[in-house]
Every structure is written in C-alpha cells, then in structure tokens.
C-alpha cells in the first residue's frame, strides 16, 4: 500500500503553497482511508473540504488565505506527531 501519510503531507504542502488538489488525486493517494490514524483523518477531511469549497475559495481571498494556513497547521501536526493507528 502506498504511504498515505506521506501523500497527505505532500498534498497539504502543495495546497498551502498555492497549489490545488482534485478529488481523483485524493482518492488515488489515499486508497484506504479506514487505515488512517486520527491526525491523518483530520488532514484528509481538510483536503476534502478544500475540494468541496472550491467555489468559495476561488473568489474569497481571505477565506483562501485562512484555509491555506489551516493546511500548514495540519501539515505541522502530521510532521510532528508519530504515525499511529488508534482505531
């Protein structure tokens, strides 16, 4: 199985730095969300919300700035916390 945590970290970084993500990429990079730990699930949720809110962040610069900061926060959590599966 691919390293889902590494994918999430790279994707969070990409969005935080001004990039984007689409649903197909997210599904391909996280093929088995049930195996994510709590921190990884939160990161996945934040990325899913980014995709769902595309129409908002395209036109709202303050919202976009806030969401990109949130991506940086999620990235810091994944980078600083050891991976664990608490299911």
PDB file of N, CA and C in Angstrom:
ATOM      1  N   UNK A   1       0.843  -1.179   0.000  1.00  0.00           N
ATOM      2  CA  UNK A   1       0.000   0.000   0.000  1.00  0.00           C
ATOM      3  C   UNK A   1       0.889   1.243   0.000  1.00  0.00           C
ATOM      4  N   UNK A   2       0.523   2.240  -0.777  1.00  0.00           N
ATOM      5  CA  UNK A   2       1.331   3.466  -0.803  1.00  0.00           C
ATOM      6  C   UNK A   2       1.326   4.146   0.566  1.00  0.00           C
ATOM      7  N   UNK A   3       2.305   4.983   0.784  1.00  0.00           N
ATOM      8  CA  UNK A   3       2.401   5.706   2.047  1.00  0.00           C
ATOM      9  C   UNK A   3       1.405   6.863   2.037  1.00  0.00           C
ATOM     10  N   UNK A   4       0.244   6.604   2.601  1.00  0.00           N
ATOM     11  CA  UNK A   4      -0.836   7.593   2.604  1.00  0.00           C
ATOM     12  C   UNK A   4      -0.461   8.840   3.401  1.00  0.00           C
ATOM     13  N   UNK A   5       0.258   8.658   4.499  1.00  0.00           N
ATOM     14  CA  UNK A   5       0.659   9.800   5.323  1.00  0.00           C
ATOM     15  C   UNK A   5       1.573  10.731   4.529  1.00  0.00           C
ATOM     16  N   UNK A   6       2.541  10.155   3.834  1.00  0.00           N
ATOM     17  CA  UNK A   6       3.444  10.970   3.015  1.00  0.00           C
ATOM     18  C   UNK A   6       2.664  11.703   1.927  1.00  0.00           C
ATOM     19  N   UNK A   7       1.717  11.023   1.298  1.00  0.00           N
ATOM     20  CA  UNK A   7       0.886  11.666   0.287  1.00  0.00           C
ATOM     21  C   UNK A   7       0.124  12.839   0.888  1.00  0.00           C
ATOM     22  N   UNK A   8      -0.483  12.634   2.045  1.00  0.00           N
ATOM     23  CA  UNK A   8      -1.231  13.713   2.698  1.00  0.00           C
ATOM     24  C   UNK A   8      -0.323  14.905   2.996  1.00  0.00           C
ATOM     25  N   UNK A   9       0.867  14.638   3.484  1.00  0.00           N
ATOM     26  CA  UNK A   9       1.798  15.717   3.799  1.00  0.00           C
ATOM     27  C   UNK A   9       2.189  16.493   2.539  1.00  0.00           C
ATOM     28  N   UNK A  10       2.498  15.791   1.480  1.00  0.00           N
ATOM     29  CA  UNK A  10       2.869  16.464   0.234  1.00  0.00           C
ATOM     30  C   UNK A  10       1.701  17.275  -0.331  1.00  0.00           C
ATOM     31  N   UNK A  11       0.509  16.741  -0.221  1.00  0.00           N
ATOM     32  CA  UNK A  11      -0.665  17.426  -0.748  1.00  0.00           C
ATOM     33  C   UNK A  11      -1.010  18.644   0.089  1.00  0.00           C
ATOM     34  N   UNK A  12      -0.922  18.514   1.412  1.00  0.00           N
ATOM     35  CA  UNK A  12      -1.139  19.679   2.282  1.00  0.00           C
ATOM     36  C   UNK A  12      -0.147  20.784   1.951  1.00  0.00           C
ATOM     37  N   UNK A  13       1.108  20.411   1.761  1.00  0.00           N
ATOM     38  CA  UNK A  13       2.140  21.388   1.422  1.00  0.00           C
ATOM     39  C   UNK A  13       1.830  22.065   0.089  1.00  0.00           C
ATOM     40  N   UNK A  14       1.440  21.272  -0.895  1.00  0.00           N
ATOM     41  CA  UNK A  14       1.122  21.832  -2.210  1.00  0.00           C
ATOM     42  C   UNK A  14      -0.002  22.866  -2.115  1.00  0.00           C
ATOM     43  N   UNK A  15      -1.063  22.533  -1.396  1.00  0.00           N
ATOM     44  CA  UNK A  15      -2.187  23.466  -1.256  1.00  0.00           C
ATOM     45  C   UNK A  15      -1.761  24.681  -0.435  1.00  0.00           C
ATOM     46  N   UNK A  16      -1.019  24.460   0.641  1.00  0.00           N
ATOM     47  CA  UNK A  16      -0.571  25.570   1.487  1.00  0.00           C
ATOM     48  C   UNK A  16       0.274  26.564   0.708  1.00  0.00           C
ATOM     49  N   UNK A  17       1.026  26.067  -0.265  1.00  0.00           N
ATOM     50  CA  UNK A  17       1.920  26.934  -1.038  1.00  0.00           C
ATOM     51  C   UNK A  17       1.275  27.494  -2.300  1.00  0.00           C
ATOM     52  N   UNK A  18      -0.046  27.377  -2.401  1.00  0.00           N
ATOM     53  CA  UNK A  18      -0.747  27.996  -3.519  1.00  0.00           C
ATOM     54  C   UNK A  18      -1.250  27.048  -4.576  1.00  0.00           C
ATOM     55  N   UNK A  19      -1.009  25.757  -4.402  1.00  0.00           N
ATOM     56  CA  UNK A  19      -1.467  24.780  -5.373  1.00  0.00           C
ATOM     57  C   UNK A  19      -2.884  24.323  -5.112  1.00  0.00           C
ATOM     58  N   UNK A  20      -3.225  23.208  -5.686  1.00  0.00           N
ATOM     59  CA  UNK A  20      -4.585  22.703  -5.592  1.00  0.00           C
ATOM     60  C   UNK A  20      -4.561  21.189  -5.540  1.00  0.00           C
ATOM     61  N   UNK A  21      -5.712  20.595  -5.298  1.00  0.00           N
ATOM     62  CA  UNK A  21      -5.888  19.151  -5.314  1.00  0.00           C
ATOM     63  C   UNK A  21      -7.297  18.889  -5.846  1.00  0.00           C
ATOM     64  N   UNK A  22      -7.435  17.784  -6.544  1.00  0.00           N
ATOM     65  CA  UNK A  22      -8.748  17.372  -7.043  1.00  0.00           C
ATOM     66  C   UNK A  22      -9.112  16.032  -6.420  1.00  0.00           C
ATOM     67  N   UNK A  23     -10.385  15.724  -6.444  1.00  0.00           N
ATOM     68  CA  UNK A  23     -10.896  14.523  -5.777  1.00  0.00           C
ATOM     69  C   UNK A  23     -10.233  13.243  -6.290  1.00  0.00           C
ATOM     70  N   UNK A  24     -10.018  13.149  -7.599  1.00  0.00           N
ATOM     71  CA  UNK A  24      -9.391  11.932  -8.146  1.00  0.00           C
ATOM     72  C   UNK A  24      -7.995  11.719  -7.579  1.00  0.00           C
ATOM     73  N   UNK A  25      -7.227  12.793  -7.431  1.00  0.00           N
ATOM     74  CA  UNK A  25      -5.887  12.678  -6.853  1.00  0.00           C
ATOM     75  C   UNK A  25      -5.965  12.213  -5.402  1.00  0.00           C
ATOM     76  N   UNK A  26      -6.928  12.758  -4.678  1.00  0.00           N
ATOM     77  CA  UNK A  26      -7.081  12.403  -3.271  1.00  0.00           C
ATOM     78  C   UNK A  26      -7.469  10.929  -3.127  1.00  0.00           C
ATOM     79  N   UNK A  27      -8.380  10.469  -3.958  1.00  0.00           N
ATOM     80  CA  UNK A  27      -8.784   9.051  -3.922  1.00  0.00           C
ATOM     81  C   UNK A  27      -7.614   8.136  -4.286  1.00  0.00           C
ATOM     82  N   UNK A  28      -6.824   8.540  -5.251  1.00  0.00           N
ATOM     83  CA  UNK A  28      -5.678   7.716  -5.660  1.00  0.00           C
ATOM     84  C   UNK A  28      -4.595   7.691  -4.579  1.00  0.00           C
ATOM     85  N   UNK A  29      -4.381   8.816  -3.916  1.00  0.00           N
ATOM     86  CA  UNK A  29      -3.328   8.909  -2.909  1.00  0.00           C
ATOM     87  C   UNK A  29      -3.702   8.319  -1.568  1.00  0.00           C
ATOM     88  N   UNK A  30      -5.002   8.227  -1.321  1.00  0.00           N
ATOM     89  CA  UNK A  30      -5.498   7.644  -0.067  1.00  0.00           C
ATOM     90  C   UNK A  30      -6.536   6.580  -0.432  1.00  0.00           C
ATOM     91  N   UNK A  31      -6.055   5.436  -0.918  1.00  0.00           N
ATOM     92  CA  UNK A  31      -6.984   4.400  -1.363  1.00  0.00           C
ATOM     93  C   UNK A  31      -7.726   3.691  -0.231  1.00  0.00           C
ATOM     94  N   UNK A  32      -7.194   3.764   0.987  1.00  0.00           N
ATOM     95  CA  UNK A  32      -7.825   3.066   2.112  1.00  0.00           C
ATOM     96  C   UNK A  32      -7.905   3.988   3.328  1.00  0.00           C
ATOM     97  N   UNK A  33      -8.845   4.936   3.320  1.00  0.00           N
ATOM     98  CA  UNK A  33      -8.945   5.894   4.429  1.00  0.00           C
ATOM     99  C   UNK A  33      -9.195   5.243   5.784  1.00  0.00           C
ATOM    100  N   UNK A  34      -9.743   4.040   5.790  1.00  0.00           N
ATOM    101  CA  UNK A  34     -10.024   3.361   7.059  1.00  0.00           C
ATOM    102  C   UNK A  34      -8.759   3.055   7.845  1.00  0.00           C
ATOM    103  N   UNK A  35      -7.614   3.045   7.182  1.00  0.00           N
ATOM    104  CA  UNK A  35      -6.362   2.722   7.872  1.00  0.00           C
ATOM    105  C   UNK A  35      -5.651   3.957   8.426  1.00  0.00           C
ATOM    106  N   UNK A  36      -6.205   5.146   8.191  1.00  0.00           N
ATOM    107  CA  UNK A  36      -5.571   6.381   8.671  1.00  0.00           C
ATOM    108  C   UNK A  36      -5.733   6.518  10.178  1.00  0.00           C
ATOM    109  N   UNK A  37      -4.739   7.128  10.811  1.00  0.00           N
ATOM    110  CA  UNK A  37      -4.891   7.456  12.225  1.00  0.00           C
ATOM    111  C   UNK A  37      -5.683   8.762  12.331  1.00  0.00           C
ATOM    112  N   UNK A  38      -5.963   9.191  13.551  1.00  0.00           N
ATOM    113  CA  UNK A  38      -6.826  10.360  13.767  1.00  0.00           C
ATOM    114  C   UNK A  38      -6.261  11.630  13.119  1.00  0.00           C
ATOM    115  N   UNK A  39      -4.966  11.858  13.248  1.00  0.00           N
ATOM    116  CA  UNK A  39      -4.349  13.051  12.650  1.00  0.00           C
ATOM    117  C   UNK A  39      -4.427  13.008  11.130  1.00  0.00           C
ATOM    118  N   UNK A  40      -4.214  11.840  10.569  1.00  0.00           N
ATOM    119  CA  UNK A  40      -4.290  11.687   9.119  1.00  0.00           C
ATOM    120  C   UNK A  40      -5.718  11.878   8.626  1.00  0.00           C
ATOM    121  N   UNK A  41      -6.695  11.369   9.384  1.00  0.00           N
ATOM    122  CA  UNK A  41      -8.100  11.557   9.004  1.00  0.00           C
ATOM    123  C   UNK A  41      -8.473  13.035   8.999  1.00  0.00           C
ATOM    124  N   UNK A  42      -7.972  13.781   9.974  1.00  0.00           N
ATOM    125  CA  UNK A  42      -8.245  15.226  10.007  1.00  0.00           C
ATOM    126  C   UNK A  42      -7.633  15.921   8.797  1.00  0.00           C
ATOM    127  N   UNK A  43      -6.447  15.512   8.415  1.00  0.00           N
ATOM    128  CA  UNK A  43      -5.806  16.089   7.231  1.00  0.00           C
ATOM    129  C   UNK A  43      -6.615  15.763   5.981  1.00  0.00           C
ATOM    130  N   UNK A  44      -7.051  14.526   5.863  1.00  0.00           N
ATOM    131  CA  UNK A  44      -7.863  14.123   4.721  1.00  0.00           C
ATOM    132  C   UNK A  44      -9.158  14.929   4.673  1.00  0.00           C
ATOM    133  N   UNK A  45      -9.789  15.095   5.816  1.00  0.00           N
ATOM    134  CA  UNK A  45     -11.030  15.870   5.878  1.00  0.00           C
ATOM    135  C   UNK A  45     -10.795  17.304   5.429  1.00  0.00           C
ATOM    136  N   UNK A  46      -9.710  17.898   5.879  1.00  0.00           N
ATOM    137  CA  UNK A  46      -9.412  19.284   5.490  1.00  0.00           C
ATOM    138  C   UNK A  46      -9.203  19.389   3.979  1.00  0.00           C
ATOM    139  N   UNK A  47      -8.525  18.429   3.401  1.00  0.00           N
ATOM    140  CA  UNK A  47      -8.321  18.434   1.952  1.00  0.00           C
ATOM    141  C   UNK A  47      -9.644  18.212   1.205  1.00  0.00           C
ATOM    142  N   UNK A  48     -10.492  17.346   1.745  1.00  0.00           N
ATOM    143  CA  UNK A  48     -11.801  17.137   1.127  1.00  0.00           C
ATOM    144  C   UNK A  48     -12.636  18.416   1.187  1.00  0.00           C
ATOM    145  N   UNK A  49     -12.576  19.117   2.307  1.00  0.00           N
ATOM    146  CA  UNK A  49     -13.310  20.378   2.430  1.00  0.00           C
ATOM    147  C   UNK A  49     -12.786  21.418   1.448  1.00  0.00           C
ATOM    148  N   UNK A  50     -11.475  21.432   1.247  1.00  0.00           N
ATOM    149  CA  UNK A  50     -10.880  22.343   0.261  1.00  0.00           C
ATOM    150  C   UNK A  50     -11.508  22.099  -1.115  1.00  0.00           C
ATOM    151  N   UNK A  51     -11.617  20.839  -1.477  1.00  0.00           N
ATOM    152  CA  UNK A  51     -12.194  20.483  -2.771  1.00  0.00           C
ATOM    153  C   UNK A  51     -13.669  20.885  -2.831  1.00  0.00           C
ATOM    154  N   UNK A  52     -14.410  20.561  -1.780  1.00  0.00           N
ATOM    155  CA  UNK A  52     -15.846  20.876  -1.748  1.00  0.00           C
ATOM    156  C   UNK A  52     -16.114  22.377  -1.778  1.00  0.00           C
ATOM    157  N   UNK A  53     -15.226  23.167  -1.189  1.00  0.00           N
ATOM    158  CA  UNK A  53     -15.415  24.622  -1.086  1.00  0.00           C
ATOM    159  C   UNK A  53     -14.744  25.386  -2.216  1.00  0.00           C
ATOM    160  N   UNK A  54     -14.398  24.708  -3.288  1.00  0.00           N
ATOM    161  CA  UNK A  54     -13.683  25.334  -4.394  1.00  0.00           C
ATOM    162  C   UNK A  54     -14.357  26.628  -4.853  1.00  0.00           C
ATOM    163  N   UNK A  55     -15.668  26.618  -4.978  1.00  0.00           N
ATOM    164  CA  UNK A  55     -16.364  27.809  -5.455  1.00  0.00           C
ATOM    165  C   UNK A  55     -16.209  28.982  -4.492  1.00  0.00           C
ATOM    166  N   UNK A  56     -16.027  28.706  -3.210  1.00  0.00           N
ATOM    167  CA  UNK A  56     -15.839  29.781  -2.232  1.00  0.00           C
ATOM    168  C   UNK A  56     -14.416  30.312  -2.292  1.00  0.00           C
ATOM    169  N   UNK A  57     -13.421  29.418  -2.203  1.00  0.00           N
ATOM    170  CA  UNK A  57     -12.044  29.909  -2.119  1.00  0.00           C
ATOM    171  C   UNK A  57     -11.528  30.478  -3.430  1.00  0.00           C
ATOM    172  N   UNK A  58     -12.193  30.180  -4.526  1.00  0.00           N
ATOM    173  CA  UNK A  58     -11.783  30.782  -5.791  1.00  0.00           C
ATOM    174  C   UNK A  58     -12.030  32.287  -5.767  1.00  0.00           C
ATOM    175  N   UNK A  59     -13.129  32.721  -5.129  1.00  0.00           N
ATOM    176  CA  UNK A  59     -13.474  34.135  -5.151  1.00  0.00           C
ATOM    177  C   UNK A  59     -13.244  34.895  -3.858  1.00  0.00           C
ATOM    178  N   UNK A  60     -12.877  34.217  -2.804  1.00  0.00           N
ATOM    179  CA  UNK A  60     -12.726  34.854  -1.494  1.00  0.00           C
ATOM    180  C   UNK A  60     -11.282  34.753  -1.012  1.00  0.00           C
ATOM    181  N   UNK A  61     -10.521  35.805  -1.190  1.00  0.00           N
ATOM    182  CA  UNK A  61      -9.098  35.742  -0.853  1.00  0.00           C
ATOM    183  C   UNK A  61      -8.851  35.554   0.643  1.00  0.00           C
ATOM    184  N   UNK A  62      -9.671  36.151   1.499  1.00  0.00           N
ATOM    185  CA  UNK A  62      -9.484  35.965   2.946  1.00  0.00           C
ATOM    186  C   UNK A  62      -9.733  34.520   3.346  1.00  0.00           C
ATOM    187  N   UNK A  63     -10.780  33.938   2.794  1.00  0.00           N
ATOM    188  CA  UNK A  63     -11.090  32.536   3.073  1.00  0.00           C
ATOM    189  C   UNK A  63      -9.956  31.646   2.577  1.00  0.00           C
ATOM    190  N   UNK A  64      -9.491  31.915   1.388  1.00  0.00           N
ATOM    191  CA  UNK A  64      -8.402  31.120   0.812  1.00  0.00           C
ATOM    192  C   UNK A  64      -7.156  31.206   1.673  1.00  0.00           C
ATOM    193  N   UNK A  65      -6.819  32.392   2.115  1.00  0.00           N
ATOM    194  CA  UNK A  65      -5.642  32.582   2.971  1.00  0.00           C
ATOM    195  C   UNK A  65      -5.799  31.789   4.274  1.00  0.00           C
ATOM    196  N   UNK A  66      -6.980  31.870   4.876  1.00  0.00           N
ATOM    197  CA  UNK A  66      -7.257  31.133   6.110  1.00  0.00           C
ATOM    198  C   UNK A  66      -7.121  29.625   5.885  1.00  0.00           C
ATOM    199  N   UNK A  67      -7.711  29.127   4.816  1.00  0.00           N
ATOM    200  CA  UNK A  67      -7.666  27.693   4.550  1.00  0.00           C
ATOM    201  C   UNK A  67      -6.242  27.213   4.263  1.00  0.00           C
ATOM    202  N   UNK A  68      -5.463  28.024   3.583  1.00  0.00           N
ATOM    203  CA  UNK A  68      -4.068  27.634   3.329  1.00  0.00           C
ATOM    204  C   UNK A  68      -3.275  27.596   4.641  1.00  0.00           C
ATOM    205  N   UNK A  69      -3.564  28.510   5.546  1.00  0.00           N
ATOM    206  CA  UNK A  69      -2.923  28.467   6.869  1.00  0.00           C
ATOM    207  C   UNK A  69      -3.339  27.199   7.612  1.00  0.00           C
ATOM    208  N   UNK A  70      -4.593  26.828   7.475  1.00  0.00           N
ATOM    209  CA  UNK A  70      -5.088  25.615   8.122  1.00  0.00           C
ATOM    210  C   UNK A  70      -4.338  24.398   7.575  1.00  0.00           C
ATOM    211  N   UNK A  71      -4.047  24.406   6.281  1.00  0.00           N
ATOM    212  CA  UNK A  71      -3.274  23.312   5.684  1.00  0.00           C
ATOM    213  C   UNK A  71      -1.880  23.245   6.311  1.00  0.00           C
ATOM    214  N   UNK A  72      -1.274  24.396   6.537  1.00  0.00           N
ATOM    215  CA  UNK A  72       0.047  24.431   7.188  1.00  0.00           C
ATOM    216  C   UNK A  72      -0.036  23.856   8.601  1.00  0.00           C
ATOM    217  N   UNK A  73      -1.109  24.179   9.312  1.00  0.00           N
ATOM    218  CA  UNK A  73      -1.299  23.642  10.659  1.00  0.00           C
ATOM    219  C   UNK A  73      -1.448  22.125  10.633  1.00  0.00           C
ATOM    220  N   UNK A  74      -2.246  21.622   9.713  1.00  0.00           N
ATOM    221  CA  UNK A  74      -2.440  20.173   9.577  1.00  0.00           C
ATOM    222  C   UNK A  74      -1.111  19.506   9.224  1.00  0.00           C
ATOM    223  N   UNK A  75      -0.344  20.125   8.345  1.00  0.00           N
ATOM    224  CA  UNK A  75       0.958  19.586   7.962  1.00  0.00           C
ATOM    225  C   UNK A  75       1.880  19.513   9.172  1.00  0.00           C
ATOM    226  N   UNK A  76       1.896  20.544   9.987  1.00  0.00           N
ATOM    227  CA  UNK A  76       2.745  20.554  11.181  1.00  0.00           C
ATOM    228  C   UNK A  76       2.364  19.427  12.134  1.00  0.00           C
ATOM    229  N   UNK A  77       1.083  19.167  12.276  1.00  0.00           N
ATOM    230  CA  UNK A  77       0.638  18.075  13.149  1.00  0.00           C
ATOM    231  C   UNK A  77       1.166  16.740  12.624  1.00  0.00           C
ATOM    232  N   UNK A  78       1.013  16.505  11.338  1.00  0.00           N
ATOM    233  CA  UNK A  78       1.488  15.238  10.776  1.00  0.00           C
ATOM    234  C   UNK A  78       3.001  15.112  10.853  1.00  0.00           C
ATOM    235  N   UNK A  79       3.680  16.216  10.669  1.00  0.00           N
ATOM    236  CA  UNK A  79       5.143  16.190  10.694  1.00  0.00           C
ATOM    237  C   UNK A  79       5.653  15.942  12.118  1.00  0.00           C
ATOM    238  N   UNK A  80       4.965  16.498  13.105  1.00  0.00           N
ATOM    239  CA  UNK A  80       5.457  16.441  14.479  1.00  0.00           C
ATOM    240  C   UNK A  80       4.938  15.241  15.284  1.00  0.00           C
ATOM    241  N   UNK A  81       3.828  14.672  14.868  1.00  0.00           N
ATOM    242  CA  UNK A  81       3.238  13.560  15.618  1.00  0.00           C
ATOM    243  C   UNK A  81       3.650  12.237  14.973  1.00  0.00           C
ATOM    244  N   UNK A  82       4.003  11.261  15.780  1.00  0.00           N
ATOM    245  CA  UNK A  82       4.318   9.958  15.198  1.00  0.00           C
ATOM    246  C   UNK A  82       3.049   9.340  14.618  1.00  0.00           C
ATOM    247  N   UNK A  83       3.227   8.591  13.558  1.00  0.00           N
ATOM    248  CA  UNK A  83       2.076   7.906  12.962  1.00  0.00           C
ATOM    249  C   UNK A  83       1.601   6.834  13.903  1.00  0.00           C
ATOM    250  N   UNK A  84       0.305   6.760  14.082  1.00  0.00           N
ATOM    251  CA  UNK A  84      -0.265   5.714  14.928  1.00  0.00           C
ATOM    252  C   UNK A  84      -1.668   5.436  14.429  1.00  0.00           C
ATOM    253  N   UNK A  85      -2.088   4.255  14.597  1.00  0.00           N
ATOM    254  CA  UNK A  85      -3.437   3.876  14.189  1.00  0.00           C
ATOM    255  C   UNK A  85      -4.218   3.591  15.462  1.00  0.00           C
ATOM    256  N   UNK A  86      -5.150   4.487  15.789  1.00  0.00           N
ATOM    257  CA  UNK A  86      -5.869   4.352  17.058  1.00  0.00           C
ATOM    258  C   UNK A  86      -7.298   3.848  16.854  1.00  0.00           C
ATOM    259  N   UNK A  87      -7.493   3.131  15.758  1.00  0.00           N
ATOM    260  CA  UNK A  87      -8.824   2.577  15.512  1.00  0.00           C
ATOM    261  C   UNK A  87      -9.132   1.477  16.494  1.00  0.00           C
TER     262      UNK A  87
END
